[in-house]
């Protein structure tokens, strides 16, 4: 097996393809480790109650950052800031919708109590 560059790819494109593949592999490994960690917290009862919820929330947040960085290639470079702002705005809208729904459902629950 040789490390020759295919004739139809310039050396620069080949290097970029290698970096991109390495990024995907690192992201896959990190995502698998984080997912395994979340399952371990639940299955092995490593934490309980609020500590387990906090750990799972933290693992989910870190995994979301891993997906944004390694799979969607969104970082803090100037060329990617528009994409990052769009995603942050979407997250803000989703948080407003979810928290508003929970608030309304809780209020309705409290009004139904005898």
PDB file of N, CA and C in Angstrom:
ATOM      1  N   UNK A   1       0.852  -1.180   0.000  1.00  0.00           N
ATOM      2  CA  UNK A   1       0.000   0.000   0.000  1.00  0.00           C
ATOM      3  C   UNK A   1       0.895   1.239   0.000  1.00  0.00           C
ATOM      4  N   UNK A   2       0.705   2.129  -0.937  1.00  0.00           N
ATOM      5  CA  UNK A   2       1.542   3.315  -1.030  1.00  0.00           C
ATOM      6  C   UNK A   2       0.749   4.550  -0.632  1.00  0.00           C
ATOM      7  N   UNK A   3       1.489   5.590  -0.272  1.00  0.00           N
ATOM      8  CA  UNK A   3       0.892   6.874   0.099  1.00  0.00           C
ATOM      9  C   UNK A   3       0.934   7.849  -1.058  1.00  0.00           C
ATOM     10  N   UNK A   4       0.771   7.366  -2.248  1.00  0.00           N
ATOM     11  CA  UNK A   4       0.810   8.242  -3.418  1.00  0.00           C
ATOM     12  C   UNK A   4      -0.468   9.044  -3.509  1.00  0.00           C
ATOM     13  N   UNK A   5      -0.329  10.254  -3.963  1.00  0.00           N
ATOM     14  CA  UNK A   5      -1.480  11.129  -4.192  1.00  0.00           C
ATOM     15  C   UNK A   5      -2.072  10.763  -5.540  1.00  0.00           C
ATOM     16  N   UNK A   6      -3.395  10.586  -5.610  1.00  0.00           N
ATOM     17  CA  UNK A   6      -4.002  10.280  -6.916  1.00  0.00           C
ATOM     18  C   UNK A   6      -3.674  11.366  -7.934  1.00  0.00           C
ATOM     19  N   UNK A   7      -3.550  10.958  -9.174  1.00  0.00           N
ATOM     20  CA  UNK A   7      -3.132  11.886 -10.234  1.00  0.00           C
ATOM     21  C   UNK A   7      -4.133  13.011 -10.443  1.00  0.00           C
ATOM     22  N   UNK A   8      -5.411  12.776 -10.169  1.00  0.00           N
ATOM     23  CA  UNK A   8      -6.400  13.813 -10.439  1.00  0.00           C
ATOM     24  C   UNK A   8      -6.586  14.786  -9.279  1.00  0.00           C
ATOM     25  N   UNK A   9      -5.888  14.590  -8.150  1.00  0.00           N
ATOM     26  CA  UNK A   9      -5.996  15.492  -7.010  1.00  0.00           C
ATOM     27  C   UNK A   9      -4.687  16.252  -6.808  1.00  0.00           C
ATOM     28  N   UNK A  10      -4.753  17.578  -6.749  1.00  0.00           N
ATOM     29  CA  UNK A  10      -3.546  18.324  -6.395  1.00  0.00           C
ATOM     30  C   UNK A  10      -3.169  18.024  -4.940  1.00  0.00           C
ATOM     31  N   UNK A  11      -1.919  18.277  -4.594  1.00  0.00           N
ATOM     32  CA  UNK A  11      -1.429  17.983  -3.244  1.00  0.00           C
ATOM     33  C   UNK A  11      -2.195  18.761  -2.180  1.00  0.00           C
ATOM     34  N   UNK A  12      -2.581  19.995  -2.477  1.00  0.00           N
ATOM     35  CA  UNK A  12      -3.305  20.822  -1.510  1.00  0.00           C
ATOM     36  C   UNK A  12      -4.668  20.214  -1.196  1.00  0.00           C
ATOM     37  N   UNK A  13      -5.387  19.763  -2.232  1.00  0.00           N
ATOM     38  CA  UNK A  13      -6.694  19.145  -2.025  1.00  0.00           C
ATOM     39  C   UNK A  13      -6.564  17.846  -1.237  1.00  0.00           C
ATOM     40  N   UNK A  14      -5.495  17.105  -1.507  1.00  0.00           N
ATOM     41  CA  UNK A  14      -5.280  15.849  -0.790  1.00  0.00           C
ATOM     42  C   UNK A  14      -5.045  16.115   0.696  1.00  0.00           C
ATOM     43  N   UNK A  15      -4.248  17.148   1.021  1.00  0.00           N
ATOM     44  CA  UNK A  15      -3.994  17.494   2.419  1.00  0.00           C
ATOM     45  C   UNK A  15      -5.275  17.947   3.105  1.00  0.00           C
ATOM     46  N   UNK A  16      -6.081  18.738   2.407  1.00  0.00           N
ATOM     47  CA  UNK A  16      -7.342  19.207   2.976  1.00  0.00           C
ATOM     48  C   UNK A  16      -8.302  18.045   3.235  1.00  0.00           C
ATOM     49  N   UNK A  17      -8.321  17.091   2.308  1.00  0.00           N
ATOM     50  CA  UNK A  17      -9.168  15.908   2.483  1.00  0.00           C
ATOM     51  C   UNK A  17      -8.721  15.102   3.700  1.00  0.00           C
ATOM     52  N   UNK A  18      -7.420  15.011   3.908  1.00  0.00           N
ATOM     53  CA  UNK A  18      -6.890  14.297   5.069  1.00  0.00           C
ATOM     54  C   UNK A  18      -7.263  14.983   6.366  1.00  0.00           C
ATOM     55  N   UNK A  19      -7.176  16.314   6.395  1.00  0.00           N
ATOM     56  CA  UNK A  19      -7.566  17.064   7.597  1.00  0.00           C
ATOM     57  C   UNK A  19      -9.046  16.895   7.890  1.00  0.00           C
ATOM     58  N   UNK A  20      -9.861  16.925   6.840  1.00  0.00           N
ATOM     59  CA  UNK A  20     -11.299  16.770   7.031  1.00  0.00           C
ATOM     60  C   UNK A  20     -11.642  15.373   7.540  1.00  0.00           C
ATOM     61  N   UNK A  21     -11.001  14.375   6.987  1.00  0.00           N
ATOM     62  CA  UNK A  21     -11.236  13.001   7.445  1.00  0.00           C
ATOM     63  C   UNK A  21     -10.806  12.850   8.907  1.00  0.00           C
ATOM     64  N   UNK A  22      -9.663  13.434   9.267  1.00  0.00           N
ATOM     65  CA  UNK A  22      -9.178  13.385  10.648  1.00  0.00           C
ATOM     66  C   UNK A  22     -10.171  14.072  11.581  1.00  0.00           C
ATOM     67  N   UNK A  23     -10.746  15.185  11.141  1.00  0.00           N
ATOM     68  CA  UNK A  23     -11.742  15.891  11.933  1.00  0.00           C
ATOM     69  C   UNK A  23     -12.968  15.025  12.175  1.00  0.00           C
ATOM     70  N   UNK A  24     -13.431  14.329  11.151  1.00  0.00           N
ATOM     71  CA  UNK A  24     -14.582  13.437  11.306  1.00  0.00           C
ATOM     72  C   UNK A  24     -14.290  12.285  12.258  1.00  0.00           C
ATOM     73  N   UNK A  25     -13.098  11.724  12.162  1.00  0.00           N
ATOM     74  CA  UNK A  25     -12.742  10.600  13.035  1.00  0.00           C
ATOM     75  C   UNK A  25     -12.656  11.062  14.487  1.00  0.00           C
ATOM     76  N   UNK A  26     -12.041  12.219  14.736  1.00  0.00           N
ATOM     77  CA  UNK A  26     -11.962  12.758  16.095  1.00  0.00           C
ATOM     78  C   UNK A  26     -13.369  13.031  16.625  1.00  0.00           C
ATOM     79  N   UNK A  27     -14.216  13.625  15.803  1.00  0.00           N
ATOM     80  CA  UNK A  27     -15.592  13.890  16.216  1.00  0.00           C
ATOM     81  C   UNK A  27     -16.349  12.617  16.524  1.00  0.00           C
ATOM     82  N   UNK A  28     -16.160  11.581  15.698  1.00  0.00           N
ATOM     83  CA  UNK A  28     -16.832  10.307  15.936  1.00  0.00           C
ATOM     84  C   UNK A  28     -16.388   9.692  17.257  1.00  0.00           C
ATOM     85  N   UNK A  29     -15.087   9.695  17.511  1.00  0.00           N
ATOM     86  CA  UNK A  29     -14.572   9.122  18.757  1.00  0.00           C
ATOM     87  C   UNK A  29     -15.111   9.899  19.963  1.00  0.00           C
ATOM     88  N   UNK A  30     -15.073  11.228  19.896  1.00  0.00           N
ATOM     89  CA  UNK A  30     -15.595  12.032  21.006  1.00  0.00           C
ATOM     90  C   UNK A  30     -17.085  11.812  21.213  1.00  0.00           C
ATOM     91  N   UNK A  31     -17.854  11.741  20.138  1.00  0.00           N
ATOM     92  CA  UNK A  31     -19.293  11.514  20.253  1.00  0.00           C
ATOM     93  C   UNK A  31     -19.578  10.149  20.876  1.00  0.00           C
ATOM     94  N   UNK A  32     -18.830   9.135  20.473  1.00  0.00           N
ATOM     95  CA  UNK A  32     -19.014   7.802  21.051  1.00  0.00           C
ATOM     96  C   UNK A  32     -18.656   7.779  22.532  1.00  0.00           C
ATOM     97  N   UNK A  33     -17.576   8.456  22.906  1.00  0.00           N
ATOM     98  CA  UNK A  33     -17.174   8.509  24.315  1.00  0.00           C
ATOM     99  C   UNK A  33     -18.234   9.239  25.142  1.00  0.00           C
ATOM    100  N   UNK A  34     -18.734  10.356  24.633  1.00  0.00           N
ATOM    101  CA  UNK A  34     -19.748  11.108  25.370  1.00  0.00           C
ATOM    102  C   UNK A  34     -21.056  10.329  25.481  1.00  0.00           C
ATOM    103  N   UNK A  35     -21.452   9.636  24.421  1.00  0.00           N
ATOM    104  CA  UNK A  35     -22.664   8.830  24.462  1.00  0.00           C
ATOM    105  C   UNK A  35     -22.504   7.668  25.435  1.00  0.00           C
ATOM    106  N   UNK A  36     -21.352   7.021  25.402  1.00  0.00           N
ATOM    107  CA  UNK A  36     -21.086   5.924  26.332  1.00  0.00           C
ATOM    108  C   UNK A  36     -21.087   6.428  27.771  1.00  0.00           C
ATOM    109  N   UNK A  37     -20.540   7.617  27.982  1.00  0.00           N
ATOM    110  CA  UNK A  37     -20.555   8.208  29.321  1.00  0.00           C
ATOM    111  C   UNK A  37     -21.967   8.468  29.817  1.00  0.00           C
ATOM    112  N   UNK A  38     -22.829   8.964  28.943  1.00  0.00           N
ATOM    113  CA  UNK A  38     -24.215   9.220  29.332  1.00  0.00           C
ATOM    114  C   UNK A  38     -24.934   7.914  29.670  1.00  0.00           C
ATOM    115  N   UNK A  39     -24.737   6.887  28.847  1.00  0.00           N
ATOM    116  CA  UNK A  39     -25.354   5.598  29.136  1.00  0.00           C
ATOM    117  C   UNK A  39     -24.802   5.005  30.427  1.00  0.00           C
ATOM    118  N   UNK A  40     -23.511   5.174  30.683  1.00  0.00           N
ATOM    119  CA  UNK A  40     -22.899   4.644  31.902  1.00  0.00           C
ATOM    120  C   UNK A  40     -23.470   5.312  33.142  1.00  0.00           C
ATOM    121  N   UNK A  41     -23.704   6.622  33.065  1.00  0.00           N
ATOM    122  CA  UNK A  41     -24.284   7.332  34.214  1.00  0.00           C
ATOM    123  C   UNK A  41     -25.638   6.744  34.571  1.00  0.00           C
ATOM    124  N   UNK A  42     -26.435   6.401  33.572  1.00  0.00           N
ATOM    125  CA  UNK A  42     -27.782   5.883  33.820  1.00  0.00           C
ATOM    126  C   UNK A  42     -27.764   4.399  34.161  1.00  0.00           C
ATOM    127  N   UNK A  43     -27.113   3.584  33.350  1.00  0.00           N
ATOM    128  CA  UNK A  43     -27.157   2.131  33.534  1.00  0.00           C
ATOM    129  C   UNK A  43     -26.446   1.683  34.802  1.00  0.00           C
ATOM    130  N   UNK A  44     -25.302   2.291  35.099  1.00  0.00           N
ATOM    131  CA  UNK A  44     -24.503   1.862  36.248  1.00  0.00           C
ATOM    132  C   UNK A  44     -24.859   2.614  37.524  1.00  0.00           C
ATOM    133  N   UNK A  45     -25.861   3.484  37.457  1.00  0.00           N
ATOM    134  CA  UNK A  45     -26.267   4.302  38.610  1.00  0.00           C
ATOM    135  C   UNK A  45     -25.072   5.001  39.264  1.00  0.00           C
ATOM    136  N   UNK A  46     -24.224   5.595  38.429  1.00  0.00           N
ATOM    137  CA  UNK A  46     -23.058   6.305  38.951  1.00  0.00           C
ATOM    138  C   UNK A  46     -23.466   7.531  39.747  1.00  0.00           C
ATOM    139  N   UNK A  47     -24.511   8.189  39.325  1.00  0.00           N
ATOM    140  CA  UNK A  47     -25.040   9.366  40.021  1.00  0.00           C
ATOM    141  C   UNK A  47     -26.544   9.194  40.150  1.00  0.00           C
ATOM    142  N   UNK A  48     -27.133   9.919  41.073  1.00  0.00           N
ATOM    143  CA  UNK A  48     -28.583   9.814  41.221  1.00  0.00           C
ATOM    144  C   UNK A  48     -29.177  11.207  41.407  1.00  0.00           C
ATOM    145  N   UNK A  49     -30.438  11.314  41.073  1.00  0.00           N
ATOM    146  CA  UNK A  49     -31.177  12.550  41.280  1.00  0.00           C
ATOM    147  C   UNK A  49     -30.680  13.707  40.442  1.00  0.00           C
ATOM    148  N   UNK A  50     -30.548  14.847  41.105  1.00  0.00           N
ATOM    149  CA  UNK A  50     -30.156  16.082  40.423  1.00  0.00           C
ATOM    150  C   UNK A  50     -28.738  15.994  39.863  1.00  0.00           C
ATOM    151  N   UNK A  51     -27.862  15.260  40.530  1.00  0.00           N
ATOM    152  CA  UNK A  51     -26.487  15.122  40.033  1.00  0.00           C
ATOM    153  C   UNK A  51     -26.476  14.387  38.691  1.00  0.00           C
ATOM    154  N   UNK A  52     -27.308  13.348  38.565  1.00  0.00           N
ATOM    155  CA  UNK A  52     -27.386  12.613  37.301  1.00  0.00           C
ATOM    156  C   UNK A  52     -27.944  13.503  36.198  1.00  0.00           C
ATOM    157  N   UNK A  53     -28.990  14.268  36.504  1.00  0.00           N
ATOM    158  CA  UNK A  53     -29.555  15.183  35.502  1.00  0.00           C
ATOM    159  C   UNK A  53     -28.543  16.239  35.084  1.00  0.00           C
ATOM    160  N   UNK A  54     -27.802  16.756  36.039  1.00  0.00           N
ATOM    161  CA  UNK A  54     -26.774  17.749  35.727  1.00  0.00           C
ATOM    162  C   UNK A  54     -25.668  17.172  34.853  1.00  0.00           C
ATOM    163  N   UNK A  55     -25.231  15.956  35.189  1.00  0.00           N
ATOM    164  CA  UNK A  55     -24.182  15.307  34.400  1.00  0.00           C
ATOM    165  C   UNK A  55     -24.670  15.012  32.987  1.00  0.00           C
ATOM    166  N   UNK A  56     -25.897  14.521  32.873  1.00  0.00           N
ATOM    167  CA  UNK A  56     -26.438  14.237  31.541  1.00  0.00           C
ATOM    168  C   UNK A  56     -26.608  15.518  30.732  1.00  0.00           C
ATOM    169  N   UNK A  57     -27.039  16.587  31.369  1.00  0.00           N
ATOM    170  CA  UNK A  57     -27.157  17.870  30.670  1.00  0.00           C
ATOM    171  C   UNK A  57     -25.809  18.379  30.200  1.00  0.00           C
ATOM    172  N   UNK A  58     -24.796  18.249  31.052  1.00  0.00           N
ATOM    173  CA  UNK A  58     -23.448  18.682  30.672  1.00  0.00           C
ATOM    174  C   UNK A  58     -22.899  17.839  29.531  1.00  0.00           C
ATOM    175  N   UNK A  59     -23.098  16.522  29.602  1.00  0.00           N
ATOM    176  CA  UNK A  59     -22.643  15.649  28.515  1.00  0.00           C
ATOM    177  C   UNK A  59     -23.363  15.981  27.205  1.00  0.00           C
ATOM    178  N   UNK A  60     -24.654  16.292  27.286  1.00  0.00           N
ATOM    179  CA  UNK A  60     -25.405  16.653  26.079  1.00  0.00           C
ATOM    180  C   UNK A  60     -24.892  17.969  25.492  1.00  0.00           C
ATOM    181  N   UNK A  61     -24.591  18.933  26.350  1.00  0.00           N
ATOM    182  CA  UNK A  61     -24.072  20.219  25.877  1.00  0.00           C
ATOM    183  C   UNK A  61     -22.709  20.047  25.204  1.00  0.00           C
ATOM    184  N   UNK A  62     -21.837  19.271  25.828  1.00  0.00           N
ATOM    185  CA  UNK A  62     -20.517  19.040  25.249  1.00  0.00           C
ATOM    186  C   UNK A  62     -20.651  18.296  23.916  1.00  0.00           C
ATOM    187  N   UNK A  63     -21.581  17.335  23.854  1.00  0.00           N
ATOM    188  CA  UNK A  63     -21.762  16.607  22.601  1.00  0.00           C
ATOM    189  C   UNK A  63     -22.305  17.518  21.503  1.00  0.00           C
ATOM    190  N   UNK A  64     -23.171  18.451  21.853  1.00  0.00           N
ATOM    191  CA  UNK A  64     -23.660  19.403  20.852  1.00  0.00           C
ATOM    192  C   UNK A  64     -22.505  20.253  20.312  1.00  0.00           C
ATOM    193  N   UNK A  65     -21.600  20.672  21.196  1.00  0.00           N
ATOM    194  CA  UNK A  65     -20.438  21.450  20.758  1.00  0.00           C
ATOM    195  C   UNK A  65     -19.528  20.594  19.864  1.00  0.00           C
ATOM    196  N   UNK A  66     -19.341  19.324  20.220  1.00  0.00           N
ATOM    197  CA  UNK A  66     -18.533  18.421  19.398  1.00  0.00           C
ATOM    198  C   UNK A  66     -19.138  18.288  18.006  1.00  0.00           C
ATOM    199  N   UNK A  67     -20.460  18.125  17.926  1.00  0.00           N
ATOM    200  CA  UNK A  67     -21.113  17.995  16.614  1.00  0.00           C
ATOM    201  C   UNK A  67     -20.962  19.278  15.799  1.00  0.00           C
ATOM    202  N   UNK A  68     -21.123  20.429  16.448  1.00  0.00           N
ATOM    203  CA  UNK A  68     -20.974  21.690  15.722  1.00  0.00           C
ATOM    204  C   UNK A  68     -19.549  21.868  15.210  1.00  0.00           C
ATOM    205  N   UNK A  69     -18.569  21.515  16.020  1.00  0.00           N
ATOM    206  CA  UNK A  69     -17.186  21.760  15.646  1.00  0.00           C
ATOM    207  C   UNK A  69     -16.665  20.730  14.637  1.00  0.00           C
ATOM    208  N   UNK A  70     -16.868  19.449  14.924  1.00  0.00           N
ATOM    209  CA  UNK A  70     -16.204  18.419  14.126  1.00  0.00           C
ATOM    210  C   UNK A  70     -17.022  17.944  12.932  1.00  0.00           C
ATOM    211  N   UNK A  71     -18.354  18.018  12.996  1.00  0.00           N
ATOM    212  CA  UNK A  71     -19.163  17.529  11.884  1.00  0.00           C
ATOM    213  C   UNK A  71     -19.686  18.667  11.014  1.00  0.00           C
ATOM    214  N   UNK A  72     -20.096  19.773  11.637  1.00  0.00           N
ATOM    215  CA  UNK A  72     -20.587  20.906  10.850  1.00  0.00           C
ATOM    216  C   UNK A  72     -19.494  21.929  10.565  1.00  0.00           C
ATOM    217  N   UNK A  73     -18.311  21.735  11.144  1.00  0.00           N
ATOM    218  CA  UNK A  73     -17.144  22.592  10.930  1.00  0.00           C
ATOM    219  C   UNK A  73     -17.438  24.055  11.245  1.00  0.00           C
ATOM    220  N   UNK A  74     -18.163  24.283  12.329  1.00  0.00           N
ATOM    221  CA  UNK A  74     -18.463  25.652  12.763  1.00  0.00           C
ATOM    222  C   UNK A  74     -17.555  25.975  13.936  1.00  0.00           C
ATOM    223  N   UNK A  75     -16.730  26.988  13.754  1.00  0.00           N
ATOM    224  CA  UNK A  75     -15.842  27.427  14.818  1.00  0.00           C
ATOM    225  C   UNK A  75     -15.911  28.942  14.918  1.00  0.00           C
ATOM    226  N   UNK A  76     -14.952  29.555  15.579  1.00  0.00           N
ATOM    227  CA  UNK A  76     -15.008  30.997  15.794  1.00  0.00           C
ATOM    228  C   UNK A  76     -14.255  31.804  14.736  1.00  0.00           C
ATOM    229  N   UNK A  77     -13.912  31.181  13.618  1.00  0.00           N
ATOM    230  CA  UNK A  77     -13.282  31.935  12.540  1.00  0.00           C
ATOM    231  C   UNK A  77     -14.290  32.911  11.951  1.00  0.00           C
ATOM    232  N   UNK A  78     -13.803  33.990  11.426  1.00  0.00           N
ATOM    233  CA  UNK A  78     -14.679  35.042  10.918  1.00  0.00           C
ATOM    234  C   UNK A  78     -15.633  34.526   9.834  1.00  0.00           C
ATOM    235  N   UNK A  79     -15.172  33.617   8.999  1.00  0.00           N
ATOM    236  CA  UNK A  79     -16.016  33.142   7.897  1.00  0.00           C
ATOM    237  C   UNK A  79     -17.173  32.280   8.381  1.00  0.00           C
ATOM    238  N   UNK A  80     -17.072  31.724   9.583  1.00  0.00           N
ATOM    239  CA  UNK A  80     -18.116  30.846  10.101  1.00  0.00           C
ATOM    240  C   UNK A  80     -18.998  31.524  11.147  1.00  0.00           C
ATOM    241  N   UNK A  81     -18.739  32.777  11.462  1.00  0.00           N
ATOM    242  CA  UNK A  81     -19.505  33.444  12.516  1.00  0.00           C
ATOM    243  C   UNK A  81     -20.970  33.611  12.151  1.00  0.00           C
ATOM    244  N   UNK A  82     -21.265  33.827  10.893  1.00  0.00           N
ATOM    245  CA  UNK A  82     -22.676  33.956  10.496  1.00  0.00           C
ATOM    246  C   UNK A  82     -23.433  32.660  10.749  1.00  0.00           C
ATOM    247  N   UNK A  83     -22.795  31.528  10.436  1.00  0.00           N
ATOM    248  CA  UNK A  83     -23.424  30.237  10.712  1.00  0.00           C
ATOM    249  C   UNK A  83     -23.626  30.041  12.206  1.00  0.00           C
ATOM    250  N   UNK A  84     -22.618  30.416  12.988  1.00  0.00           N
ATOM    251  CA  UNK A  84     -22.708  30.276  14.436  1.00  0.00           C
ATOM    252  C   UNK A  84     -23.817  31.155  15.000  1.00  0.00           C
ATOM    253  N   UNK A  85     -23.933  32.375  14.519  1.00  0.00           N
ATOM    254  CA  UNK A  85     -24.991  33.266  14.991  1.00  0.00           C
ATOM    255  C   UNK A  85     -26.368  32.723  14.619  1.00  0.00           C
ATOM    256  N   UNK A  86     -26.499  32.157  13.450  1.00  0.00           N
ATOM    257  CA  UNK A  86     -27.760  31.562  13.039  1.00  0.00           C
ATOM    258  C   UNK A  86     -28.145  30.396  13.957  1.00  0.00           C
ATOM    259  N   UNK A  87     -27.190  29.563  14.281  1.00  0.00           N
ATOM    260  CA  UNK A  87     -27.456  28.431  15.176  1.00  0.00           C
ATOM    261  C   UNK A  87     -27.788  28.923  16.578  1.00  0.00           C
ATOM    262  N   UNK A  88     -27.063  29.912  17.084  1.00  0.00           N
ATOM    263  CA  UNK A  88     -27.364  30.444  18.416  1.00  0.00           C
ATOM    264  C   UNK A  88     -28.742  31.091  18.462  1.00  0.00           C
ATOM    265  N   UNK A  89     -29.142  31.779  17.422  1.00  0.00           N
ATOM    266  CA  UNK A  89     -30.474  32.366  17.376  1.00  0.00           C
ATOM    267  C   UNK A  89     -31.542  31.282  17.365  1.00  0.00           C
ATOM    268  N   UNK A  90     -31.304  30.219  16.617  1.00  0.00           N
ATOM    269  CA  UNK A  90     -32.239  29.093  16.583  1.00  0.00           C
ATOM    270  C   UNK A  90     -32.365  28.456  17.960  1.00  0.00           C
ATOM    271  N   UNK A  91     -31.243  28.294  18.646  1.00  0.00           N
ATOM    272  CA  UNK A  91     -31.269  27.733  20.005  1.00  0.00           C
ATOM    273  C   UNK A  91     -32.044  28.649  20.939  1.00  0.00           C
ATOM    274  N   UNK A  92     -31.857  29.953  20.808  1.00  0.00           N
ATOM    275  CA  UNK A  92     -32.601  30.898  21.638  1.00  0.00           C
ATOM    276  C   UNK A  92     -34.104  30.781  21.404  1.00  0.00           C
ATOM    277  N   UNK A  93     -34.524  30.713  20.167  1.00  0.00           N
ATOM    278  CA  UNK A  93     -35.955  30.574  19.860  1.00  0.00           C
ATOM    279  C   UNK A  93     -36.492  29.264  20.422  1.00  0.00           C
ATOM    280  N   UNK A  94     -35.739  28.181  20.270  1.00  0.00           N
ATOM    281  CA  UNK A  94     -36.175  26.899  20.817  1.00  0.00           C
ATOM    282  C   UNK A  94     -36.278  26.941  22.338  1.00  0.00           C
ATOM    283  N   UNK A  95     -35.321  27.578  23.003  1.00  0.00           N
ATOM    284  CA  UNK A  95     -35.386  27.705  24.459  1.00  0.00           C
ATOM    285  C   UNK A  95     -36.607  28.510  24.896  1.00  0.00           C
ATOM    286  N   UNK A  96     -36.912  29.580  24.181  1.00  0.00           N
ATOM    287  CA  UNK A  96     -38.094  30.372  24.509  1.00  0.00           C
ATOM    288  C   UNK A  96     -39.356  29.537  24.333  1.00  0.00           C
ATOM    289  N   UNK A  97     -39.428  28.775  23.261  1.00  0.00           N
ATOM    290  CA  UNK A  97     -40.612  27.950  23.022  1.00  0.00           C
ATOM    291  C   UNK A  97     -40.755  26.844  24.071  1.00  0.00           C
ATOM    292  N   UNK A  98     -39.674  26.160  24.388  1.00  0.00           N
ATOM    293  CA  UNK A  98     -39.739  25.062  25.356  1.00  0.00           C
ATOM    294  C   UNK A  98     -40.035  25.593  26.751  1.00  0.00           C
ATOM    295  N   UNK A  99     -39.348  26.652  27.170  1.00  0.00           N
ATOM    296  CA  UNK A  99     -39.596  27.189  28.515  1.00  0.00           C
ATOM    297  C   UNK A  99     -41.007  27.769  28.620  1.00  0.00           C
ATOM    298  N   UNK A 100     -41.501  28.397  27.569  1.00  0.00           N
ATOM    299  CA  UNK A 100     -42.872  28.912  27.590  1.00  0.00           C
ATOM    300  C   UNK A 100     -43.892  27.790  27.676  1.00  0.00           C
ATOM    301  N   UNK A 101     -43.657  26.708  26.964  1.00  0.00           N
ATOM    302  CA  UNK A 101     -44.554  25.558  27.028  1.00  0.00           C
ATOM    303  C   UNK A 101     -44.563  24.948  28.422  1.00  0.00           C
ATOM    304  N   UNK A 102     -43.382  24.779  29.001  1.00  0.00           N
ATOM    305  CA  UNK A 102     -43.307  24.224  30.358  1.00  0.00           C
ATOM    306  C   UNK A 102     -44.004  25.142  31.350  1.00  0.00           C
ATOM    307  N   UNK A 103     -43.818  26.437  31.214  1.00  0.00           N
ATOM    308  CA  UNK A 103     -44.448  27.399  32.117  1.00  0.00           C
ATOM    309  C   UNK A 103     -45.979  27.308  32.003  1.00  0.00           C
ATOM    310  N   UNK A 104     -46.484  27.283  30.786  1.00  0.00           N
ATOM    311  CA  UNK A 104     -47.935  27.211  30.583  1.00  0.00           C
ATOM    312  C   UNK A 104     -48.494  25.892  31.121  1.00  0.00           C
ATOM    313  N   UNK A 105     -47.823  24.791  30.844  1.00  0.00           N
ATOM    314  CA  UNK A 105     -48.300  23.504  31.349  1.00  0.00           C
ATOM    315  C   UNK A 105     -48.254  23.444  32.870  1.00  0.00           C
ATOM    316  N   UNK A 106     -47.222  23.997  33.483  1.00  0.00           N
ATOM    317  CA  UNK A 106     -47.149  24.032  34.943  1.00  0.00           C
ATOM    318  C   UNK A 106     -48.272  24.890  35.513  1.00  0.00           C
ATOM    319  N   UNK A 107     -48.524  26.039  34.900  1.00  0.00           N
ATOM    320  CA  UNK A 107     -49.603  26.908  35.360  1.00  0.00           C
ATOM    321  C   UNK A 107     -50.951  26.199  35.240  1.00  0.00           C
ATOM    322  N   UNK A 108     -51.191  25.513  34.151  1.00  0.00           N
ATOM    323  CA  UNK A 108     -52.430  24.767  33.986  1.00  0.00           C
ATOM    324  C   UNK A 108     -52.543  23.643  35.008  1.00  0.00           C
ATOM    325  N   UNK A 109     -51.432  22.988  35.292  1.00  0.00           N
ATOM    326  CA  UNK A 109     -51.428  21.939  36.294  1.00  0.00           C
ATOM    327  C   UNK A 109     -51.791  22.500  37.673  1.00  0.00           C
ATOM    328  N   UNK A 110     -51.223  23.627  38.016  1.00  0.00           N
ATOM    329  CA  UNK A 110     -51.509  24.241  39.316  1.00  0.00           C
ATOM    330  C   UNK A 110     -52.966  24.704  39.414  1.00  0.00           C
ATOM    331  N   UNK A 111     -53.559  25.140  38.321  1.00  0.00           N
ATOM    332  CA  UNK A 111     -54.952  25.570  38.328  1.00  0.00           C
ATOM    333  C   UNK A 111     -55.912  24.390  38.434  1.00  0.00           C
ATOM    334  N   UNK A 112     -55.470  23.209  38.018  1.00  0.00           N
ATOM    335  CA  UNK A 112     -56.338  22.023  38.065  1.00  0.00           C
ATOM    336  C   UNK A 112     -56.297  21.348  39.432  1.00  0.00           C
ATOM    337  N   UNK A 113     -55.330  21.702  40.247  1.00  0.00           N
ATOM    338  CA  UNK A 113     -55.207  21.086  41.573  1.00  0.00           C
ATOM    339  C   UNK A 113     -56.373  21.533  42.445  1.00  0.00           C
ATOM    340  N   UNK A 114     -56.926  20.613  43.294  1.00  0.00           N
ATOM    341  CA  UNK A 114     -58.054  20.985  44.167  1.00  0.00           C
ATOM    342  C   UNK A 114     -57.656  21.862  45.316  1.00  0.00           C
TER     343      UNK A 114
END
